[in-house]
Amino acid sequence: MRHFGHIPTAARQALFHQEPCEFTADSPARLLSAALGATLYSPATRPRLADDVLKQTGRGVVSMVLCLEDSIQDAEVEVAETNLVRQFADLAERGVATPLLFVRVREPGQISDLVRRLGDSIRLLSGFVLPKFTEERGTAFLEALTEAESACGRTLYAMPVLESPELLHLETRTRTLTGIATAVDKYRDRVLALRLGVTDFCSAYGLRRSPDMTAYDVRIVAGVIADVVNVLGRADGSGFTITGPVWEYFRLQERMFKPQLRRSPFLEGRAEELRTALIEHDLDGLLREIELDRANGLLGKTCIHPSHVPPVHALSVVSHEEFSDAQDILRPERDGGGVLRSAYTNKMNEVKPHRAWAERTLLRAEVFGVAREDIGFVELLTAGLGA
């Protein structure tokens, strides 16, 4: 699989100075964690779940979470598990490519039970999403994952969700973060990424952001994100990939969006008209939040609607200017430090302070590609939508 792999080769070559790399579920964890992109969630109760997975694969989705937790009712868990096992068997029988597939469980015991019930179709499973993760609760999940991995003989990754009240509340936050750091560090090889459960944070205070506000406009949420990145997202080798919070609104439908793109002058590069259309369809907040995610050290995003996937991926592509700066900073002759003017002559690149940024940028460039010099968000979004 590869990002933008669903568009024709010629179109992709016209967009990219450096095309996104190909990867598989067996690629190194460092690459996979950066490549998650827009991770699309789907309730495990959906009767045509296998068809849904393949449909989204054809639209450019590279990671999905099939949910047995908050997206379904308590009384539906047993039915959802049975459906999940049946749908995995269906996918395995078809023998076609799928995204990275994860299952969001409720309790540690579900991990070993599902691995046993999946049988040969376990080869399609990349791992589990672990809800309401704290040191005490999370350690039980990670121990169950390790045991299940040994039983099935394949690598299974964990994606803990940081969403517990103990993490939100100021008086317990430091202790909770320290405990989480201890737990995930012990199982570092198994933890692919950390996910933020911002909806649960808002719920604890009866809050809900409007479609024109980002998570960073809700100060109590922004404070938690900052502290999580502070402790768990460091660039010194101790940190983890932390993904962006979910965007709840999806009034925009692709069938509405594509015709508007075709009718408009967007293909001529007039980005302001595109921005106006996005504002009208409640996506301006999403675009701003994606930008703020990256500015605050987050990569990828939890998504609950397919229309969110193309904007996340389009804004994840490295610009030619970013790529140029990162390459300059990391040239071997720059190892001694120093300051140099950007090749675009619009900024200062200070080698030592900007090195970690440059390394992260080149990793993102590997998985999402580098746009050609004259290619911007409009063209990438249009291609991602197939418009």
Protein backbone atom coordinates (compact mmCIF):
# COMPACT_ATOMS: atom_id res chain seq x y z
CA MET A 1 0.00 0.00 0.00
CA ARG A 2 1.01 3.63 -0.37
CA HIS A 3 -0.55 7.03 0.17
CA PHE A 4 -2.22 8.31 -3.01
CA GLY A 5 -1.81 4.81 -4.40
CA HIS A 6 -5.48 4.85 -5.42
CA ILE A 7 -4.90 7.50 -8.09
CA PRO A 8 -3.44 6.70 -11.53
CA THR A 9 0.34 6.48 -11.76
CA ALA A 10 0.64 9.30 -14.30
CA ALA A 11 -1.44 11.62 -12.12
CA ARG A 12 0.65 10.77 -9.07
CA GLN A 13 3.90 11.41 -10.92
CA ALA A 14 2.60 14.80 -12.02
CA LEU A 15 1.90 15.76 -8.39
CA PHE A 16 5.02 14.56 -6.63
CA HIS A 17 8.67 15.58 -6.69
CA GLN A 18 9.21 12.46 -4.54
CA GLU A 19 6.40 9.92 -4.56
CA PRO A 20 5.11 8.31 -1.33
CA CYS A 21 6.88 5.03 -0.60
CA GLU A 22 5.23 1.64 -0.63
CA PHE A 23 4.85 -0.17 2.69
CA THR A 24 3.21 -3.27 4.14
CA ALA A 25 1.98 -4.35 7.56
CA ASP A 26 5.43 -5.90 8.03
CA SER A 27 7.33 -2.66 7.43
CA PRO A 28 9.38 -1.22 10.34
CA ALA A 29 7.27 0.26 13.14
CA ARG A 30 8.91 3.67 12.74
CA LEU A 31 7.65 3.84 9.17
CA LEU A 32 4.19 2.46 9.95
CA SER A 33 3.60 4.89 12.82
CA ALA A 34 4.26 7.82 10.51
CA ALA A 35 2.21 6.29 7.69
CA LEU A 36 -1.06 5.79 9.63
CA GLY A 37 -2.45 9.03 8.22
CA ALA A 38 -6.19 9.46 8.60
CA THR A 39 -7.22 6.42 10.64
CA LEU A 40 -10.87 5.75 9.85
CA TYR A 41 -13.04 4.28 12.60
CA SER A 42 -16.00 2.02 11.87
CA PRO A 43 -18.40 0.24 14.27
CA ALA A 44 -17.80 -3.52 14.22
CA THR A 45 -21.57 -4.06 13.98
CA ARG A 46 -21.78 -3.03 10.33
CA PRO A 47 -23.27 -5.99 8.42
CA ARG A 48 -21.17 -5.38 5.27
CA LEU A 49 -17.98 -4.45 7.09
CA ALA A 50 -15.71 -6.37 4.70
CA ASP A 51 -17.19 -4.48 1.74
CA ASP A 52 -16.78 -1.21 3.63
CA VAL A 53 -13.09 -1.93 4.27
CA LEU A 54 -12.40 -2.66 0.61
CA LYS A 55 -14.41 0.37 -0.53
CA GLN A 56 -12.33 2.66 1.68
CA THR A 57 -9.13 1.00 0.51
CA GLY A 58 -10.07 2.04 -3.01
CA ARG A 59 -10.50 5.61 -1.78
CA GLY A 60 -7.03 5.91 -0.29
CA VAL A 61 -7.54 4.84 3.33
CA VAL A 62 -4.47 3.04 4.67
CA SER A 63 -5.48 2.44 8.31
CA MET A 64 -8.81 1.54 9.90
CA VAL A 65 -10.06 0.77 13.40
CA LEU A 66 -12.99 -1.62 13.76
CA CYS A 67 -14.58 -0.58 17.02
CA LEU A 68 -16.07 -2.74 19.78
CA GLU A 69 -16.07 0.08 22.33
CA ASP A 70 -17.86 3.44 22.49
CA SER A 71 -19.27 3.36 18.95
CA ILE A 72 -21.58 0.44 19.80
CA GLN A 73 -24.09 -0.17 22.59
CA ASP A 74 -23.16 -2.33 25.56
CA ALA A 75 -25.75 -4.91 24.57
CA GLU A 76 -24.22 -5.24 21.08
CA VAL A 77 -20.75 -6.41 22.07
CA GLU A 78 -21.29 -10.14 21.62
CA VAL A 79 -23.01 -9.68 18.25
CA ALA A 80 -20.29 -7.26 17.14
CA GLU A 81 -17.53 -9.73 18.02
CA THR A 82 -19.22 -12.47 16.05
CA ASN A 83 -19.68 -10.15 13.10
CA LEU A 84 -16.06 -9.02 13.29
CA VAL A 85 -14.75 -12.60 13.14
CA ARG A 86 -17.05 -13.38 10.19
CA GLN A 87 -16.01 -10.26 8.29
CA PHE A 88 -12.30 -10.97 8.79
CA ALA A 89 -12.86 -14.46 7.41
CA ASP A 90 -14.63 -12.92 4.42
CA LEU A 91 -11.71 -10.57 3.76
CA ALA A 92 -9.19 -13.39 4.10
CA GLU A 93 -11.12 -15.55 1.66
CA ARG A 94 -11.18 -12.78 -0.95
CA GLY A 95 -7.39 -12.52 -0.78
CA VAL A 96 -7.25 -8.82 -1.69
CA ALA A 97 -5.22 -5.97 -0.22
CA THR A 98 -6.58 -4.28 2.89
CA PRO A 99 -5.51 -1.28 4.96
CA LEU A 100 -3.74 -1.70 8.28
CA LEU A 101 -6.59 -3.08 10.41
CA PHE A 102 -6.89 -2.60 14.17
CA VAL A 103 -9.63 -3.62 16.60
CA ARG A 104 -10.67 -1.34 19.43
CA VAL A 105 -11.52 -3.56 22.41
CA ARG A 106 -13.13 -2.84 25.75
CA GLU A 107 -11.33 -5.25 28.08
CA PRO A 108 -7.97 -7.09 28.04
CA GLY A 109 -9.67 -10.50 27.87
CA GLN A 110 -11.14 -9.67 24.47
CA ILE A 111 -7.67 -9.61 22.92
CA SER A 112 -6.79 -13.28 23.47
CA ASP A 113 -10.36 -14.37 22.75
CA LEU A 114 -10.51 -12.55 19.42
CA VAL A 115 -7.05 -13.73 18.35
CA ARG A 116 -8.16 -17.31 19.00
CA ARG A 117 -11.46 -16.87 17.16
CA LEU A 118 -9.92 -15.14 14.15
CA GLY A 119 -7.87 -18.22 13.28
CA ASP A 120 -6.01 -17.93 9.96
CA SER A 121 -7.53 -14.50 9.25
CA ILE A 122 -5.36 -13.11 12.05
CA ARG A 123 -2.85 -12.34 9.29
CA LEU A 124 -5.02 -9.34 8.35
CA LEU A 125 -4.88 -7.86 11.85
CA SER A 126 -2.19 -5.28 12.68
CA GLY A 127 -3.11 -4.82 16.32
CA PHE A 128 -5.46 -3.41 18.94
CA VAL A 129 -6.58 0.02 20.10
CA LEU A 130 -6.58 0.19 23.90
CA PRO A 131 -9.17 2.58 25.40
CA LYS A 132 -8.93 4.81 28.48
CA PHE A 133 -5.27 3.96 28.92
CA THR A 134 -3.57 4.47 32.28
CA GLU A 135 -0.60 2.63 33.78
CA GLU A 136 -2.73 0.20 35.77
CA ARG A 137 -5.40 -0.42 33.15
CA GLY A 138 -2.98 -0.20 30.23
CA THR A 139 -0.47 -2.70 31.62
CA ALA A 140 -3.17 -5.37 31.72
CA PHE A 141 -3.98 -4.66 28.06
CA LEU A 142 -0.31 -4.77 27.04
CA GLU A 143 0.29 -8.04 28.89
CA ALA A 144 -2.72 -9.56 27.14
CA LEU A 145 -1.42 -8.31 23.79
CA THR A 146 2.01 -9.86 24.40
CA GLU A 147 0.46 -13.22 25.31
CA ALA A 148 -1.81 -13.14 22.26
CA GLU A 149 1.11 -12.26 20.03
CA SER A 150 3.03 -15.30 21.25
CA ALA A 151 -0.01 -17.50 20.74
CA CYS A 152 -0.61 -16.46 17.12
CA GLY A 153 3.04 -16.10 16.12
CA ARG A 154 2.76 -12.68 14.48
CA THR A 155 3.45 -9.08 15.43
CA LEU A 156 0.51 -7.23 16.95
CA TYR A 157 0.79 -3.53 17.70
CA ALA A 158 -0.91 -1.49 20.39
CA MET A 159 -2.37 1.97 20.01
CA PRO A 160 -3.30 3.24 23.49
CA VAL A 161 -5.97 5.94 23.66
CA LEU A 162 -5.22 8.69 26.17
CA GLU A 163 -8.67 9.78 27.35
CA SER A 164 -9.08 8.97 31.03
CA PRO A 165 -10.38 11.52 33.59
CA GLU A 166 -7.19 11.03 35.60
CA LEU A 167 -5.24 12.44 32.67
CA LEU A 168 -7.59 15.39 32.28
CA HIS A 169 -7.85 16.44 35.93
CA LEU A 170 -5.04 18.74 36.95
CA GLU A 171 -4.44 17.20 40.38
CA THR A 172 -3.79 13.72 38.90
CA ARG A 173 -2.35 14.59 35.49
CA THR A 174 1.37 14.51 36.26
CA ARG A 175 1.15 11.20 38.11
CA THR A 176 -1.00 9.69 35.37
CA LEU A 177 1.30 10.85 32.59
CA THR A 178 4.33 9.49 34.42
CA GLY A 179 2.61 6.14 34.83
CA ILE A 180 1.59 6.01 31.18
CA ALA A 181 5.16 6.82 30.16
CA THR A 182 6.45 3.94 32.30
CA ALA A 183 3.95 1.48 30.82
CA VAL A 184 4.47 2.32 27.17
CA ASP A 185 8.25 2.51 27.53
CA LYS A 186 8.31 -1.04 28.90
CA TYR A 187 6.44 -2.23 25.79
CA ARG A 188 8.02 0.25 23.38
CA ASP A 189 8.45 -2.27 20.56
CA ARG A 190 4.70 -3.00 20.61
CA VAL A 191 3.35 0.57 20.86
CA LEU A 192 2.83 1.92 17.35
CA ALA A 193 1.26 5.26 18.27
CA LEU A 194 -0.61 7.05 21.03
CA ARG A 195 -4.09 8.37 20.23
CA LEU A 196 -5.85 11.30 21.93
CA GLY A 197 -9.47 10.90 23.05
CA VAL A 198 -10.52 14.54 23.03
CA THR A 199 -14.26 13.75 22.97
CA ASP A 200 -13.92 12.09 26.39
CA PHE A 201 -11.98 15.09 27.67
CA CYS A 202 -14.77 17.43 26.63
CA SER A 203 -17.39 15.10 28.05
CA ALA A 204 -15.91 15.34 31.54
CA TYR A 205 -16.82 19.04 31.59
CA GLY A 206 -19.97 18.94 29.49
CA LEU A 207 -18.23 20.65 26.56
CA ARG A 208 -18.51 20.24 22.82
CA ARG A 209 -16.64 22.38 20.32
CA SER A 210 -18.57 23.88 17.40
CA PRO A 211 -17.55 23.19 13.77
CA ASP A 212 -15.76 26.53 13.52
CA MET A 213 -13.56 25.80 16.57
CA THR A 214 -10.58 23.47 16.87
CA ALA A 215 -9.55 21.37 19.84
CA TYR A 216 -6.89 23.98 20.50
CA ASP A 217 -9.55 26.65 21.05
CA VAL A 218 -10.86 24.66 24.03
CA ARG A 219 -8.26 25.67 26.56
CA ILE A 220 -8.70 22.75 28.95
CA VAL A 221 -8.21 20.32 26.05
CA ALA A 222 -5.29 22.26 24.60
CA GLY A 223 -3.58 22.07 27.98
CA VAL A 224 -3.83 18.28 28.07
CA ILE A 225 -2.53 17.95 24.50
CA ALA A 226 0.44 20.14 25.36
CA ASP A 227 1.28 18.08 28.44
CA VAL A 228 0.94 14.77 26.57
CA VAL A 229 3.33 15.98 23.87
CA ASN A 230 5.65 17.38 26.55
CA VAL A 231 6.02 14.01 28.27
CA LEU A 232 5.39 11.48 25.49
CA GLY A 233 6.26 13.21 22.22
CA ARG A 234 9.86 14.26 22.72
CA ALA A 235 12.27 14.16 19.80
CA ASP A 236 15.17 12.74 21.81
CA GLY A 237 14.35 9.12 21.03
CA SER A 238 12.11 8.61 24.06
CA GLY A 239 8.94 9.89 22.39
CA PHE A 240 6.14 8.24 20.43
CA THR A 241 4.01 9.19 17.46
CA ILE A 242 0.94 10.97 18.84
CA THR A 243 -2.05 11.27 16.53
CA GLY A 244 -4.48 14.16 16.24
CA PRO A 245 -7.94 14.18 17.84
CA VAL A 246 -11.16 13.25 16.08
CA TRP A 247 -13.17 15.79 14.09
CA GLU A 248 -16.86 15.24 14.83
CA TYR A 249 -18.59 17.07 11.98
CA PHE A 250 -19.30 15.67 8.53
CA ARG A 251 -22.05 17.63 6.84
CA LEU A 252 -19.80 17.73 3.80
CA GLN A 253 -20.47 14.72 1.59
CA GLU A 254 -18.10 13.70 -1.19
CA ARG A 255 -20.97 13.65 -3.68
CA MET A 256 -21.51 17.35 -2.83
CA PHE A 257 -17.84 18.23 -2.82
CA LYS A 258 -16.69 16.62 -6.08
CA PRO A 259 -19.16 18.42 -8.37
CA GLN A 260 -18.25 21.71 -6.74
CA LEU A 261 -14.59 21.07 -7.51
CA ARG A 262 -15.41 20.27 -11.13
CA ARG A 263 -17.57 23.36 -11.57
CA SER A 264 -15.15 25.75 -9.94
CA PRO A 265 -11.82 27.22 -11.09
CA PHE A 266 -9.95 25.31 -8.35
CA LEU A 267 -8.07 23.22 -10.86
CA GLU A 268 -6.48 26.46 -12.01
CA GLY A 269 -4.98 26.86 -8.55
CA ARG A 270 -7.37 29.43 -7.08
CA ALA A 271 -7.13 28.26 -3.49
CA GLU A 272 -9.29 31.02 -2.02
CA GLU A 273 -12.41 29.72 -3.75
CA LEU A 274 -11.68 26.27 -2.38
CA ARG A 275 -11.28 27.69 1.09
CA THR A 276 -14.62 29.49 0.74
CA ALA A 277 -16.32 26.25 -0.29
CA LEU A 278 -14.79 24.44 2.65
CA ILE A 279 -15.99 27.12 5.06
CA GLU A 280 -19.49 26.73 3.66
CA HIS A 281 -19.33 22.99 4.27
CA ASP A 282 -17.96 23.13 7.83
CA LEU A 283 -14.48 21.88 6.90
CA ASP A 284 -12.58 25.07 7.55
CA GLY A 285 -12.32 24.09 11.22
CA LEU A 286 -10.98 20.66 10.24
CA LEU A 287 -8.31 22.20 8.01
CA ARG A 288 -7.19 24.57 10.74
CA GLU A 289 -7.10 21.75 13.27
CA ILE A 290 -4.96 19.56 10.99
CA GLU A 291 -2.48 22.41 10.62
CA LEU A 292 -2.45 22.96 14.39
CA ASP A 293 -2.00 19.22 14.99
CA ARG A 294 1.25 19.26 13.06
CA ALA A 295 2.39 22.55 14.59
CA ASN A 296 1.94 20.96 18.02
CA GLY A 297 3.84 17.76 17.22
CA LEU A 298 0.98 15.43 16.24
CA LEU A 299 0.94 13.27 13.11
CA GLY A 300 -2.07 11.57 11.57
CA LYS A 301 -5.64 11.90 12.82
CA THR A 302 -8.57 9.90 14.10
CA CYS A 303 -11.43 10.12 11.57
CA ILE A 304 -15.05 9.03 11.82
CA HIS A 305 -16.14 9.91 8.29
CA PRO A 306 -14.56 9.14 4.88
CA SER A 307 -14.83 12.80 3.80
CA HIS A 308 -12.18 13.69 6.38
CA VAL A 309 -9.53 11.40 4.91
CA PRO A 310 -8.52 13.36 1.75
CA PRO A 311 -7.91 16.67 3.62
CA VAL A 312 -5.79 14.92 6.26
CA HIS A 313 -3.66 13.23 3.61
CA ALA A 314 -3.37 16.29 1.39
CA LEU A 315 -2.14 18.41 4.30
CA SER A 316 0.32 15.67 5.33
CA VAL A 317 2.28 15.84 2.06
CA VAL A 318 5.60 17.64 2.49
CA SER A 319 5.92 20.79 0.44
CA HIS A 320 8.87 21.25 -1.86
CA GLU A 321 10.02 24.13 0.34
CA GLU A 322 9.92 22.05 3.54
CA PHE A 323 11.80 19.26 1.80
CA SER A 324 14.46 21.64 0.53
CA ASP A 325 15.01 23.09 4.01
CA ALA A 326 15.15 19.66 5.66
CA GLN A 327 17.68 18.36 3.16
CA ASP A 328 19.89 21.42 3.59
CA ILE A 329 19.84 21.10 7.37
CA LEU A 330 20.77 17.41 7.30
CA ARG A 331 23.63 17.60 4.81
CA PRO A 332 26.74 15.88 6.28
CA GLU A 333 28.78 19.05 5.98
CA ARG A 334 26.31 20.74 8.36
CA ASP A 335 27.04 18.36 11.26
CA GLY A 336 29.04 21.04 13.00
CA GLY A 337 26.04 23.36 13.19
CA GLY A 338 25.76 26.90 11.97
CA VAL A 339 23.13 29.04 10.28
CA LEU A 340 22.22 29.16 6.59
CA ARG A 341 19.69 30.95 4.47
CA SER A 342 16.88 28.84 3.06
CA ALA A 343 17.13 28.01 -0.62
CA TYR A 344 13.77 29.79 -0.89
CA THR A 345 15.52 32.87 0.63
CA ASN A 346 12.66 33.51 3.04
CA LYS A 347 13.88 32.09 6.36
CA MET A 348 16.85 31.16 8.52
CA ASN A 349 17.73 27.49 8.95
CA GLU A 350 19.70 26.98 12.16
CA VAL A 351 21.21 23.52 11.84
CA LYS A 352 21.31 22.21 15.40
CA PRO A 353 17.94 23.53 16.68
CA HIS A 354 16.15 22.53 13.46
CA ARG A 355 17.70 19.06 13.09
CA ALA A 356 14.92 17.14 14.85
CA TRP A 357 12.31 18.97 12.76
CA ALA A 358 14.23 18.11 9.60
CA GLU A 359 14.46 14.42 10.53
CA ARG A 360 10.72 14.25 11.18
CA THR A 361 10.01 16.09 7.95
CA LEU A 362 12.03 13.62 5.88
CA LEU A 363 10.21 10.70 7.53
CA ARG A 364 6.89 12.32 6.63
CA ALA A 365 8.25 12.90 3.11
CA GLU A 366 9.05 9.21 2.81
CA VAL A 367 5.49 8.08 3.58
CA PHE A 368 3.39 10.97 2.22
CA GLY A 369 5.70 12.18 -0.54
CA VAL A 370 7.00 15.59 -1.55
CA ALA A 371 4.86 17.81 -3.74
CA ARG A 372 6.31 19.36 -6.86
CA GLU A 373 7.25 23.00 -6.52
CA ASP A 374 4.08 24.24 -8.24
CA ILE A 375 1.70 21.80 -6.51
CA GLY A 376 -0.31 22.82 -3.46
CA PHE A 377 -3.13 21.63 -1.23
CA VAL A 378 -5.84 22.23 -3.84
CA GLU A 379 -4.31 19.89 -6.40
CA LEU A 380 -3.52 17.23 -3.79
CA LEU A 381 -7.03 17.32 -2.34
CA THR A 382 -8.60 17.20 -5.79
CA ALA A 383 -6.49 14.17 -6.72
CA GLY A 384 -7.25 12.46 -3.41
CA LEU A 385 -10.98 12.86 -4.01
CA GLY A 386 -10.68 11.56 -7.53
CA ALA A 387 -12.36 14.77 -8.77
